[in-house]
């Protein structure tokens, strides 16, 4: 889908209480750069949410996520402890 089709679908499928700061439909990211669904490159001046220190898709972060996914994806520490939380 191109950005026009995705924006039309967004109106139909996403609750009105969920906002967007920009009208750009992102497809991928790397470091400080993001690309829209048409392939246009942008510098991510907003820094993303939670990526401000290392950029998008930092190799060490991706490796840590993959390693954790091999163990389990979600655990509630309030229900039972797990080692990576304690360490």
N, C-alpha and C. Protein backbone atom coordinates (compact mmCIF):
# COMPACT_ATOMS: atom_id res chain seq x y z
N UNK A 1 0.85 -1.19 0.00
CA UNK A 1 0.00 0.00 0.00
C UNK A 1 0.88 1.25 0.00
N UNK A 2 0.46 2.28 -0.71
CA UNK A 2 1.19 3.54 -0.65
C UNK A 2 0.65 4.36 0.52
N UNK A 3 1.27 5.53 0.76
CA UNK A 3 0.88 6.31 1.93
C UNK A 3 -0.57 6.79 1.86
N UNK A 4 -1.06 7.14 0.69
CA UNK A 4 -2.46 7.60 0.57
C UNK A 4 -3.42 6.48 0.96
N UNK A 5 -3.15 5.27 0.49
CA UNK A 5 -4.00 4.12 0.84
C UNK A 5 -3.92 3.81 2.33
N UNK A 6 -2.72 3.90 2.89
CA UNK A 6 -2.56 3.62 4.32
C UNK A 6 -3.24 4.67 5.18
N UNK A 7 -3.17 5.93 4.77
CA UNK A 7 -3.85 6.99 5.51
C UNK A 7 -5.37 6.82 5.46
N UNK A 8 -5.89 6.40 4.32
CA UNK A 8 -7.33 6.13 4.20
C UNK A 8 -7.71 4.96 5.10
N UNK A 9 -6.91 3.93 5.11
CA UNK A 9 -7.16 2.76 5.96
C UNK A 9 -7.08 3.14 7.43
N UNK A 10 -6.14 4.03 7.77
CA UNK A 10 -5.99 4.47 9.16
C UNK A 10 -7.28 5.10 9.65
N UNK A 11 -7.93 5.92 8.82
CA UNK A 11 -9.19 6.57 9.20
C UNK A 11 -10.25 5.52 9.53
N UNK A 12 -10.26 4.42 8.79
CA UNK A 12 -11.24 3.36 9.01
C UNK A 12 -10.89 2.46 10.19
N UNK A 13 -9.60 2.23 10.45
CA UNK A 13 -9.20 1.16 11.36
C UNK A 13 -8.63 1.60 12.70
N UNK A 14 -8.20 2.85 12.82
CA UNK A 14 -7.52 3.28 14.05
C UNK A 14 -8.43 4.23 14.82
N UNK A 15 -8.58 4.03 16.15
CA UNK A 15 -9.42 4.91 16.96
C UNK A 15 -8.98 6.37 16.86
N UNK A 16 -9.92 7.28 16.93
CA UNK A 16 -9.63 8.71 16.79
C UNK A 16 -8.77 9.25 17.93
N UNK A 17 -8.77 8.60 19.08
CA UNK A 17 -7.97 9.06 20.20
C UNK A 17 -6.48 8.85 20.03
N UNK A 18 -6.09 8.08 19.02
CA UNK A 18 -4.68 7.82 18.74
C UNK A 18 -4.22 8.82 17.70
N UNK A 19 -3.29 9.70 18.07
CA UNK A 19 -2.85 10.75 17.16
C UNK A 19 -1.51 10.47 16.53
N UNK A 20 -1.18 11.24 15.52
CA UNK A 20 0.12 11.21 14.87
C UNK A 20 0.65 12.63 14.78
N UNK A 21 1.92 12.82 15.07
CA UNK A 21 2.52 14.14 15.01
C UNK A 21 2.80 14.55 13.57
N UNK A 22 3.15 13.57 12.73
CA UNK A 22 3.45 13.86 11.33
C UNK A 22 2.54 13.02 10.43
N UNK A 23 2.37 13.45 9.18
CA UNK A 23 1.55 12.68 8.24
C UNK A 23 2.35 11.62 7.48
N UNK A 24 3.59 11.39 7.88
CA UNK A 24 4.48 10.46 7.17
C UNK A 24 4.21 9.03 7.63
N UNK A 25 4.13 8.09 6.69
CA UNK A 25 3.93 6.68 7.00
C UNK A 25 5.28 5.98 6.88
N UNK A 26 5.85 5.60 8.02
CA UNK A 26 7.19 5.02 8.04
C UNK A 26 7.18 3.54 7.67
N UNK A 27 8.23 3.12 6.97
CA UNK A 27 8.38 1.72 6.57
C UNK A 27 9.54 1.04 7.28
N UNK A 28 10.64 1.80 7.51
CA UNK A 28 11.80 1.20 8.17
C UNK A 28 12.66 2.29 8.77
N UNK A 29 13.62 1.86 9.59
CA UNK A 29 14.51 2.80 10.24
C UNK A 29 15.88 2.17 10.44
N UNK A 30 16.88 3.02 10.57
CA UNK A 30 18.25 2.57 10.82
C UNK A 30 19.01 3.75 11.39
N UNK A 31 19.57 3.58 12.60
CA UNK A 31 20.32 4.67 13.22
C UNK A 31 19.46 5.90 13.41
N UNK A 32 19.89 7.03 12.85
CA UNK A 32 19.14 8.29 12.97
C UNK A 32 18.24 8.54 11.77
N UNK A 33 18.09 7.56 10.89
CA UNK A 33 17.31 7.75 9.67
C UNK A 33 16.05 6.89 9.67
N UNK A 34 15.02 7.40 9.00
CA UNK A 34 13.78 6.64 8.78
C UNK A 34 13.39 6.81 7.32
N UNK A 35 12.67 5.82 6.77
CA UNK A 35 12.20 5.87 5.39
C UNK A 35 10.70 5.66 5.38
N UNK A 36 10.01 6.42 4.52
CA UNK A 36 8.57 6.23 4.40
C UNK A 36 8.27 5.11 3.41
N UNK A 37 6.99 4.82 3.24
CA UNK A 37 6.59 3.70 2.39
C UNK A 37 6.89 3.94 0.92
N UNK A 38 7.14 5.19 0.55
CA UNK A 38 7.54 5.50 -0.83
C UNK A 38 9.06 5.46 -1.01
N UNK A 39 9.80 5.24 0.09
CA UNK A 39 11.26 5.17 0.01
C UNK A 39 11.98 6.47 0.28
N UNK A 40 11.27 7.54 0.62
CA UNK A 40 11.91 8.82 0.92
C UNK A 40 12.59 8.75 2.28
N UNK A 41 13.82 9.25 2.33
CA UNK A 41 14.63 9.20 3.56
C UNK A 41 14.46 10.48 4.37
N UNK A 42 14.37 10.32 5.69
CA UNK A 42 14.26 11.45 6.61
C UNK A 42 15.27 11.28 7.74
N UNK A 43 15.76 12.39 8.28
CA UNK A 43 16.51 12.34 9.53
C UNK A 43 15.47 12.37 10.64
N UNK A 44 15.56 11.45 11.58
CA UNK A 44 14.58 11.35 12.65
C UNK A 44 14.90 12.37 13.74
N UNK A 45 14.44 13.60 13.54
CA UNK A 45 14.68 14.64 14.53
C UNK A 45 13.90 14.42 15.81
N UNK A 46 12.86 13.62 15.77
CA UNK A 46 12.08 13.32 16.97
C UNK A 46 12.77 12.26 17.82
N UNK A 47 13.70 11.53 17.25
CA UNK A 47 14.45 10.53 18.01
C UNK A 47 13.69 9.26 18.30
N UNK A 48 12.48 9.13 17.81
CA UNK A 48 11.71 7.93 18.12
C UNK A 48 11.35 7.89 19.59
N UNK A 49 10.64 6.89 19.98
CA UNK A 49 10.30 6.71 21.39
C UNK A 49 11.15 5.56 21.90
N UNK A 50 12.01 5.85 22.84
CA UNK A 50 12.84 4.80 23.42
C UNK A 50 14.09 4.46 22.63
N UNK A 51 14.42 5.25 21.61
CA UNK A 51 15.64 4.96 20.84
C UNK A 51 16.61 6.14 20.89
N UNK A 52 16.35 7.09 21.74
CA UNK A 52 17.14 8.32 21.74
C UNK A 52 18.62 8.11 21.98
N UNK A 53 19.01 7.13 22.77
CA UNK A 53 20.41 6.95 23.09
C UNK A 53 21.21 6.16 22.07
N UNK A 54 20.59 5.24 21.36
CA UNK A 54 21.34 4.35 20.47
C UNK A 54 20.88 4.39 19.03
N UNK A 55 19.83 5.10 18.71
CA UNK A 55 19.32 5.11 17.34
C UNK A 55 18.44 3.90 17.07
N UNK A 56 17.84 3.89 15.91
CA UNK A 56 16.97 2.78 15.52
C UNK A 56 17.79 1.55 15.17
N UNK A 57 17.35 0.40 15.64
CA UNK A 57 17.90 -0.90 15.24
C UNK A 57 19.40 -1.03 15.49
N UNK A 58 19.89 -0.50 16.60
CA UNK A 58 21.32 -0.66 16.92
C UNK A 58 21.63 -2.15 16.98
N UNK A 59 22.72 -2.59 16.36
CA UNK A 59 23.02 -4.03 16.29
C UNK A 59 23.06 -4.73 17.64
N UNK A 60 23.58 -4.07 18.67
CA UNK A 60 23.64 -4.71 19.99
C UNK A 60 22.24 -4.86 20.60
N UNK A 61 21.39 -3.88 20.36
CA UNK A 61 20.01 -3.96 20.87
C UNK A 61 19.25 -5.06 20.13
N UNK A 62 19.41 -5.13 18.81
CA UNK A 62 18.76 -6.18 18.02
C UNK A 62 19.22 -7.55 18.48
N UNK A 63 20.52 -7.72 18.72
CA UNK A 63 21.05 -9.01 19.19
C UNK A 63 20.47 -9.38 20.55
N UNK A 64 20.36 -8.40 21.45
CA UNK A 64 19.80 -8.67 22.78
C UNK A 64 18.33 -9.07 22.69
N UNK A 65 17.58 -8.42 21.81
CA UNK A 65 16.16 -8.77 21.62
C UNK A 65 16.03 -10.19 21.09
N UNK A 66 16.85 -10.54 20.10
CA UNK A 66 16.80 -11.89 19.54
C UNK A 66 17.15 -12.93 20.60
N UNK A 67 18.17 -12.65 21.40
CA UNK A 67 18.56 -13.58 22.46
C UNK A 67 17.42 -13.76 23.46
N UNK A 68 16.79 -12.67 23.87
CA UNK A 68 15.69 -12.75 24.82
C UNK A 68 14.49 -13.48 24.23
N UNK A 69 14.21 -13.27 22.95
CA UNK A 69 13.06 -13.93 22.31
C UNK A 69 13.21 -15.44 22.29
N UNK A 70 14.44 -15.93 22.29
CA UNK A 70 14.67 -17.37 22.36
C UNK A 70 14.32 -17.94 23.73
N UNK A 71 14.26 -17.09 24.76
CA UNK A 71 13.96 -17.54 26.13
C UNK A 71 12.46 -17.39 26.42
N UNK A 72 11.98 -16.16 26.43
CA UNK A 72 10.55 -15.86 26.55
C UNK A 72 10.36 -14.39 26.21
N UNK A 73 9.16 -14.03 25.76
CA UNK A 73 8.90 -12.66 25.32
C UNK A 73 8.30 -11.78 26.40
N UNK A 74 7.51 -12.36 27.27
CA UNK A 74 6.86 -11.54 28.28
C UNK A 74 6.76 -12.31 29.58
N UNK A 75 7.17 -11.67 30.62
CA UNK A 75 7.01 -12.24 31.95
C UNK A 75 6.69 -11.12 32.92
N UNK A 76 5.77 -11.35 33.80
CA UNK A 76 5.40 -10.34 34.78
C UNK A 76 6.18 -10.61 36.07
N UNK A 77 7.11 -9.74 36.40
CA UNK A 77 7.95 -9.92 37.57
C UNK A 77 7.12 -9.98 38.85
N UNK A 78 5.96 -9.35 38.85
CA UNK A 78 5.10 -9.38 40.04
C UNK A 78 4.51 -10.77 40.26
N UNK A 79 4.44 -11.58 39.21
CA UNK A 79 3.92 -12.94 39.33
C UNK A 79 5.04 -13.91 39.68
N UNK A 80 6.10 -13.89 38.91
CA UNK A 80 7.26 -14.74 39.25
C UNK A 80 8.54 -14.05 38.78
N UNK A 81 9.59 -14.24 39.57
CA UNK A 81 10.87 -13.62 39.25
C UNK A 81 11.52 -14.29 38.05
N UNK A 82 12.35 -13.55 37.35
CA UNK A 82 13.18 -14.13 36.30
C UNK A 82 14.56 -13.47 36.34
N UNK A 83 15.56 -14.25 35.95
CA UNK A 83 16.95 -13.87 36.18
C UNK A 83 17.37 -12.55 35.54
N UNK A 84 16.98 -12.29 34.31
CA UNK A 84 17.44 -11.07 33.64
C UNK A 84 16.93 -9.81 34.34
N UNK A 85 15.77 -9.88 34.98
CA UNK A 85 15.24 -8.74 35.72
C UNK A 85 16.07 -8.51 36.98
N UNK A 86 16.37 -9.57 37.70
CA UNK A 86 17.11 -9.47 38.95
C UNK A 86 18.56 -9.03 38.69
N UNK A 87 19.15 -9.57 37.62
CA UNK A 87 20.55 -9.23 37.32
C UNK A 87 20.67 -7.79 36.88
